């Protein structure tokens, strides 16, 4: 991610943690919500890696603001030749997300059915309880008026949304690992820091390996993304699948290390793990993307392992 963009986003997400409305106003005012909007539609048309980098950073801060969802919505609108409205946006892909994060607060909702896209006024009528601080809305309760309609040239909605979720997950995974390392170094038990115990060292090393694997899969997938073209399903499948696996191990180990404090609302770990558990299932969990990976391999009629290892060369 560009250093200036990263600095700006980090400052906003840090300074406005106590006021989500202020955070959103600052994100929108800085243009960060329009990174993926084409220049023809009033945005910056920046490289895919910049938006995925922002989603990753937002995941690390775990603020309940729909920056990643708005980025995806704006990409889809641009691909359909439509103008992106100002405000918070949610994405509804038919059949793939039962609960929509931030649907209650969405100013607009992008709904995708196959390749048909409609832009609706928000919000979505709430029907599901919140997960932590993230409100979820019923995917079937979209009643806002249709503002615009369009067609996508490729089946990009699901893989784009899944890869963006994987980016958020990698950011949250990295943050959870950092918190665990710091806590283990500071917490004294039986006269020495937790980090001096071999069992804790083993947990931290496993967490580090999982985070590294998920990050590598994400980076490989992001490198294949080009505007105006279909996403590489194989790369997306590996990234989302690997992020999901890592979330299971990292969340479990992080809470083992932290003990009861890790579940309190006052401590950052709880915000991270709640989101990881939610994002793990968004736009297809491990079982779906593992199956999709197998389907892609069969369609390609070539051995899977050489295809995967070739990405790292």
Protein backbone atom coordinates (compact mmCIF):
# COMPACT_ATOMS: atom_id res chain seq x y z
CA UNK A 1 0.00 0.00 0.00
CA UNK A 2 1.24 3.50 -0.82
CA UNK A 3 3.01 4.95 2.23
CA UNK A 4 1.07 8.22 2.19
CA UNK A 5 -2.28 6.43 1.91
CA UNK A 6 -1.31 4.06 4.72
CA UNK A 7 -0.25 6.93 6.98
CA UNK A 8 -3.48 8.83 6.32
CA UNK A 9 -5.70 5.78 6.88
CA UNK A 10 -3.85 4.76 10.04
CA UNK A 11 -4.20 8.24 11.50
CA UNK A 12 -7.94 8.35 10.79
CA UNK A 13 -8.64 4.86 12.11
CA UNK A 14 -6.61 5.58 15.25
CA UNK A 15 -7.74 9.12 16.01
CA UNK A 16 -11.45 8.49 15.52
CA UNK A 17 -11.84 5.17 17.32
CA UNK A 18 -14.35 6.67 19.76
CA UNK A 19 -16.56 8.26 17.10
CA UNK A 20 -17.56 6.07 14.18
CA UNK A 21 -19.39 8.90 12.43
CA UNK A 22 -16.30 11.09 12.66
CA UNK A 23 -14.18 8.22 11.36
CA UNK A 24 -16.45 7.81 8.35
CA UNK A 25 -16.51 11.55 7.60
CA UNK A 26 -12.69 11.60 7.70
CA UNK A 27 -12.35 8.49 5.52
CA UNK A 28 -14.75 9.88 2.94
CA UNK A 29 -13.29 13.37 3.09
CA UNK A 30 -9.81 12.02 2.41
CA UNK A 31 -11.03 10.14 -0.66
CA UNK A 32 -10.14 6.72 0.74
CA UNK A 33 -13.64 5.39 0.08
CA UNK A 34 -13.22 6.13 -3.65
CA UNK A 35 -9.89 4.42 -4.32
CA UNK A 36 -11.53 1.88 -6.64
CA UNK A 37 -13.95 4.27 -8.30
CA UNK A 38 -12.84 4.95 -11.86
CA UNK A 39 -11.65 8.44 -12.75
CA UNK A 40 -14.51 8.66 -15.24
CA UNK A 41 -16.92 8.31 -12.31
CA UNK A 42 -15.24 10.78 -9.97
CA UNK A 43 -12.79 8.50 -8.21
CA UNK A 44 -9.07 7.83 -8.29
CA UNK A 45 -8.94 4.59 -10.27
CA UNK A 46 -6.07 3.33 -8.14
CA UNK A 47 -4.47 -0.08 -8.46
CA UNK A 48 -6.34 -3.00 -6.84
CA UNK A 49 -3.51 -3.48 -4.34
CA UNK A 50 -4.22 -0.08 -2.78
CA UNK A 51 -7.83 -0.94 -1.96
CA UNK A 52 -6.93 -4.38 -0.65
CA UNK A 53 -4.22 -2.75 1.46
CA UNK A 54 -6.79 -0.37 2.93
CA UNK A 55 -9.16 -3.26 3.68
CA UNK A 56 -6.31 -5.08 5.41
CA UNK A 57 -5.49 -2.01 7.49
CA UNK A 58 -9.15 -1.54 8.40
CA UNK A 59 -9.30 -5.16 9.52
CA UNK A 60 -6.34 -4.63 11.81
CA UNK A 61 -8.10 -1.71 13.52
CA UNK A 62 -11.44 -3.59 13.66
CA UNK A 63 -13.57 -0.46 13.63
CA UNK A 64 -17.22 -1.16 12.75
CA UNK A 65 -17.26 1.13 9.72
CA UNK A 66 -18.08 -0.29 6.25
CA UNK A 67 -14.94 0.84 4.44
CA UNK A 68 -14.26 -2.56 2.83
CA UNK A 69 -17.89 -3.05 1.82
CA UNK A 70 -17.98 0.43 0.31
CA UNK A 71 -14.81 -0.29 -1.68
CA UNK A 72 -16.33 -3.48 -3.12
CA UNK A 73 -19.61 -1.72 -3.92
CA UNK A 74 -17.80 1.09 -5.70
CA UNK A 75 -15.76 -1.37 -7.80
CA UNK A 76 -18.91 -3.20 -8.86
CA UNK A 77 -20.70 0.04 -9.74
CA UNK A 78 -17.74 1.21 -11.83
CA UNK A 79 -17.60 -2.14 -13.63
CA UNK A 80 -21.30 -1.73 -14.44
CA UNK A 81 -20.71 1.80 -15.72
CA UNK A 82 -22.57 3.45 -12.84
CA UNK A 83 -21.71 6.41 -10.63
CA UNK A 84 -20.87 5.66 -7.01
CA UNK A 85 -23.00 7.68 -4.59
CA UNK A 86 -21.62 9.43 -1.55
CA UNK A 87 -22.06 7.61 1.75
CA UNK A 88 -21.79 4.21 3.37
CA UNK A 89 -22.54 1.22 1.15
CA UNK A 90 -23.25 -2.45 1.77
CA UNK A 91 -23.07 -5.30 -0.75
CA UNK A 92 -25.71 -7.99 -1.07
CA UNK A 93 -24.80 -10.94 -3.30
CA UNK A 94 -27.80 -13.19 -3.63
CA UNK A 95 -27.35 -16.51 -1.87
CA UNK A 96 -24.03 -15.67 -0.25
CA UNK A 97 -24.51 -13.54 2.80
CA UNK A 98 -27.31 -14.14 5.23
CA UNK A 99 -26.43 -11.25 7.48
CA UNK A 100 -25.13 -8.03 5.96
CA UNK A 101 -22.69 -6.09 8.16
CA UNK A 102 -23.66 -2.45 8.66
CA UNK A 103 -26.87 -2.88 6.67
CA UNK A 104 -28.70 -0.83 9.31
CA UNK A 105 -26.44 2.15 8.68
CA UNK A 106 -25.98 1.81 4.92
CA UNK A 107 -26.94 4.85 2.87
CA UNK A 108 -26.98 2.65 -0.25
CA UNK A 109 -26.93 -1.07 -1.01
CA UNK A 110 -25.53 -2.72 -4.12
CA UNK A 111 -27.44 -5.91 -4.89
CA UNK A 112 -26.03 -8.46 -7.31
CA UNK A 113 -28.06 -11.29 -8.83
CA UNK A 114 -25.94 -13.21 -11.31
CA UNK A 115 -24.47 -10.40 -13.39
CA UNK A 116 -27.39 -8.04 -12.86
CA UNK A 117 -26.69 -5.18 -10.48
CA UNK A 118 -29.10 -2.78 -8.79
CA UNK A 119 -28.30 0.18 -6.59
CA UNK A 120 -30.85 0.70 -3.80
CA UNK A 121 -31.39 3.33 -1.20
CA UNK A 122 -30.59 2.12 2.29
CA UNK A 123 -30.82 1.19 5.00
CA UNK A 124 -31.78 -2.47 5.16
CA UNK A 125 -34.46 -3.34 7.70
CA UNK A 126 -32.79 -5.02 10.65
CA UNK A 127 -33.75 -8.59 11.49
CA UNK A 128 -30.60 -10.07 13.02
CA UNK A 129 -28.82 -9.39 16.27
CA UNK A 130 -25.46 -7.69 16.27
CA UNK A 131 -22.19 -9.63 16.30
CA UNK A 132 -20.13 -7.62 18.74
CA UNK A 133 -20.34 -4.04 17.51
CA UNK A 134 -21.19 -5.05 13.93
CA UNK A 135 -24.93 -4.82 13.23
CA UNK A 136 -26.26 -7.48 10.89
CA UNK A 137 -29.31 -7.03 8.69
CA UNK A 138 -31.61 -9.50 7.01
CA UNK A 139 -30.56 -10.09 3.41
CA UNK A 140 -34.20 -10.52 2.46
CA UNK A 141 -35.41 -7.23 3.91
CA UNK A 142 -34.08 -4.91 1.22
CA UNK A 143 -36.92 -2.47 0.60
CA UNK A 144 -35.16 0.73 -0.53
CA UNK A 145 -36.04 2.23 -3.90
CA UNK A 146 -33.92 1.25 -6.91
CA UNK A 147 -31.75 4.17 -8.01
CA UNK A 148 -29.88 2.58 -10.90
CA UNK A 149 -29.42 -0.74 -12.69
CA UNK A 150 -26.54 -2.19 -14.66
CA UNK A 151 -24.83 -5.35 -15.87
CA UNK A 152 -21.44 -6.76 -14.90
CA UNK A 153 -19.32 -8.06 -17.75
CA UNK A 154 -17.86 -10.87 -15.63
CA UNK A 155 -18.85 -12.92 -12.58
CA UNK A 156 -16.66 -10.87 -10.28
CA UNK A 157 -18.95 -9.98 -7.38
CA UNK A 158 -18.43 -13.07 -5.19
CA UNK A 159 -14.66 -13.50 -5.71
CA UNK A 160 -14.04 -9.76 -5.24
CA UNK A 161 -16.05 -9.68 -2.01
CA UNK A 162 -14.40 -12.87 -0.74
CA UNK A 163 -10.89 -11.61 -1.48
CA UNK A 164 -11.64 -8.30 0.23
CA UNK A 165 -12.85 -10.21 3.29
CA UNK A 166 -9.62 -12.23 3.19
CA UNK A 167 -7.68 -8.95 3.23
CA UNK A 168 -9.62 -7.77 6.27
CA UNK A 169 -8.98 -11.11 7.95
CA UNK A 170 -5.24 -10.93 7.34
CA UNK A 171 -5.14 -7.49 8.95
CA UNK A 172 -7.06 -8.74 11.97
CA UNK A 173 -4.89 -11.87 12.20
CA UNK A 174 -1.71 -9.79 12.23
CA UNK A 175 -3.15 -7.50 14.91
CA UNK A 176 -4.24 -10.46 17.08
CA UNK A 177 -0.75 -11.96 16.81
CA UNK A 178 0.88 -8.65 17.79
CA UNK A 179 -1.42 -8.29 20.80
CA UNK A 180 -0.64 -11.84 21.91
CA UNK A 181 3.12 -11.37 21.63
CA UNK A 182 2.95 -8.12 23.62
CA UNK A 183 0.68 -9.61 26.28
CA UNK A 184 2.82 -12.72 26.69
CA UNK A 185 5.90 -10.54 27.13
CA UNK A 186 4.27 -8.34 29.79
CA UNK A 187 2.15 -10.81 31.78
CA UNK A 188 4.05 -12.27 34.74
CA UNK A 189 3.08 -15.74 35.96
CA UNK A 190 4.99 -17.80 38.55
CA UNK A 191 7.70 -15.17 38.62
CA UNK A 192 8.41 -14.90 34.90
CA UNK A 193 6.82 -13.62 31.71
CA UNK A 194 4.39 -15.91 29.92
CA UNK A 195 6.60 -15.69 26.83
CA UNK A 196 9.31 -17.61 28.72
CA UNK A 197 7.12 -20.73 28.96
CA UNK A 198 7.67 -23.28 26.22
CA UNK A 199 3.94 -23.97 25.84
CA UNK A 200 3.25 -20.27 25.16
CA UNK A 201 6.17 -20.08 22.74
CA UNK A 202 4.69 -23.03 20.88
CA UNK A 203 1.29 -21.30 20.59
CA UNK A 204 2.88 -18.08 19.36
CA UNK A 205 5.00 -19.91 16.79
CA UNK A 206 1.92 -21.69 15.43
CA UNK A 207 0.05 -18.39 15.23
CA UNK A 208 2.96 -16.78 13.39
CA UNK A 209 3.07 -19.60 10.85
CA UNK A 210 -0.67 -19.34 10.21
CA UNK A 211 -0.53 -15.56 9.77
CA UNK A 212 2.41 -15.85 7.38
CA UNK A 213 0.65 -18.49 5.29
CA UNK A 214 -2.57 -16.49 5.07
CA UNK A 215 -0.69 -13.31 4.17
CA UNK A 216 1.29 -15.07 1.44
CA UNK A 217 -1.89 -16.50 -0.10
CA UNK A 218 -3.53 -13.07 0.00
CA UNK A 219 -0.56 -11.33 -1.61
CA UNK A 220 -0.44 -13.93 -4.37
CA UNK A 221 -4.14 -13.48 -5.09
CA UNK A 222 -4.06 -9.67 -5.04
CA UNK A 223 -1.18 -9.71 -7.54
CA UNK A 224 -3.46 -11.41 -10.09
CA UNK A 225 -6.30 -8.84 -9.90
CA UNK A 226 -6.79 -6.50 -12.85
CA UNK A 227 -9.74 -4.12 -13.35
CA UNK A 228 -12.08 -5.08 -16.17
CA UNK A 229 -11.12 -8.76 -16.12
CA UNK A 230 -12.41 -11.83 -14.23
CA UNK A 231 -10.67 -12.62 -10.97
CA UNK A 232 -8.47 -15.71 -10.74
CA UNK A 233 -10.83 -18.09 -8.92
CA UNK A 234 -8.03 -20.43 -7.96
CA UNK A 235 -6.05 -17.64 -6.30
CA UNK A 236 -9.13 -16.28 -4.55
CA UNK A 237 -10.10 -19.75 -3.33
CA UNK A 238 -6.66 -20.33 -1.82
CA UNK A 239 -6.63 -16.89 -0.14
CA UNK A 240 -10.10 -17.12 1.44
CA UNK A 241 -9.63 -20.77 2.43
CA UNK A 242 -6.23 -20.10 4.00
CA UNK A 243 -7.44 -17.03 5.86
CA UNK A 244 -10.30 -19.08 7.30
CA UNK A 245 -7.98 -21.83 8.50
CA UNK A 246 -5.66 -19.30 10.08
CA UNK A 247 -8.57 -17.59 11.84
CA UNK A 248 -9.49 -20.84 13.60
CA UNK A 249 -5.99 -21.40 14.98
CA UNK A 250 -5.12 -17.77 15.74
CA UNK A 251 -8.38 -17.01 17.57
CA UNK A 252 -8.12 -20.17 19.67
CA UNK A 253 -4.47 -19.65 20.60
CA UNK A 254 -4.87 -15.91 21.24
CA UNK A 255 -7.64 -16.51 23.75
CA UNK A 256 -5.68 -19.31 25.41
CA UNK A 257 -2.77 -16.92 25.92
CA UNK A 258 -4.89 -14.01 27.13
CA UNK A 259 -7.29 -15.89 29.37
CA UNK A 260 -10.42 -14.08 30.54
CA UNK A 261 -9.24 -10.58 29.62
CA UNK A 262 -9.33 -11.53 25.96
CA UNK A 263 -13.13 -11.70 26.01
CA UNK A 264 -13.76 -8.30 27.57
CA UNK A 265 -15.15 -5.49 25.42
CA UNK A 266 -12.54 -3.10 26.79
CA UNK A 267 -9.68 -5.13 25.30
CA UNK A 268 -8.90 -5.05 21.57
CA UNK A 269 -8.60 -8.82 21.11
CA UNK A 270 -12.33 -9.40 21.51
CA UNK A 271 -13.11 -6.96 18.68
CA UNK A 272 -10.63 -8.71 16.40
CA UNK A 273 -11.74 -12.27 17.07
CA UNK A 274 -15.46 -11.48 16.82
CA UNK A 275 -14.87 -10.05 13.39
CA UNK A 276 -12.65 -12.95 12.35
CA UNK A 277 -15.34 -15.45 13.31
CA UNK A 278 -17.89 -13.46 11.29
CA UNK A 279 -15.68 -12.77 8.27
CA UNK A 280 -14.63 -16.42 8.13
CA UNK A 281 -18.14 -17.32 6.95
CA UNK A 282 -18.82 -14.25 4.81
CA UNK A 283 -18.96 -14.93 1.05
CA UNK A 284 -18.15 -18.61 1.49
CA UNK A 285 -16.26 -20.42 4.22
CA UNK A 286 -13.47 -22.96 3.94
CA UNK A 287 -15.68 -25.79 2.72
CA UNK A 288 -17.06 -23.75 -0.17
CA UNK A 289 -13.71 -22.43 -1.36
CA UNK A 290 -11.99 -25.81 -0.95
CA UNK A 291 -14.66 -27.29 -3.21
CA UNK A 292 -14.26 -24.41 -5.66
CA UNK A 293 -10.50 -24.98 -5.72
CA UNK A 294 -11.10 -28.59 -6.69
CA UNK A 295 -13.56 -27.57 -9.41
CA UNK A 296 -11.04 -25.14 -10.91
CA UNK A 297 -8.34 -27.82 -10.92
CA UNK A 298 -10.65 -30.27 -12.69
CA UNK A 299 -11.67 -27.68 -15.27
CA UNK A 300 -8.04 -26.85 -15.98
CA UNK A 301 -7.23 -30.54 -16.50
CA UNK A 302 -3.75 -30.00 -15.05
CA UNK A 303 -2.16 -31.04 -11.73
CA UNK A 304 -3.03 -28.60 -8.93
CA UNK A 305 0.25 -28.50 -7.01
CA UNK A 306 2.44 -27.19 -9.88
CA UNK A 307 -0.13 -24.44 -10.48
CA UNK A 308 0.00 -23.34 -6.84
CA UNK A 309 3.78 -23.45 -6.49
CA UNK A 310 4.25 -21.57 -9.77
CA UNK A 311 2.65 -18.53 -8.15
CA UNK A 312 5.54 -18.16 -5.77
CA UNK A 313 8.24 -18.14 -8.43
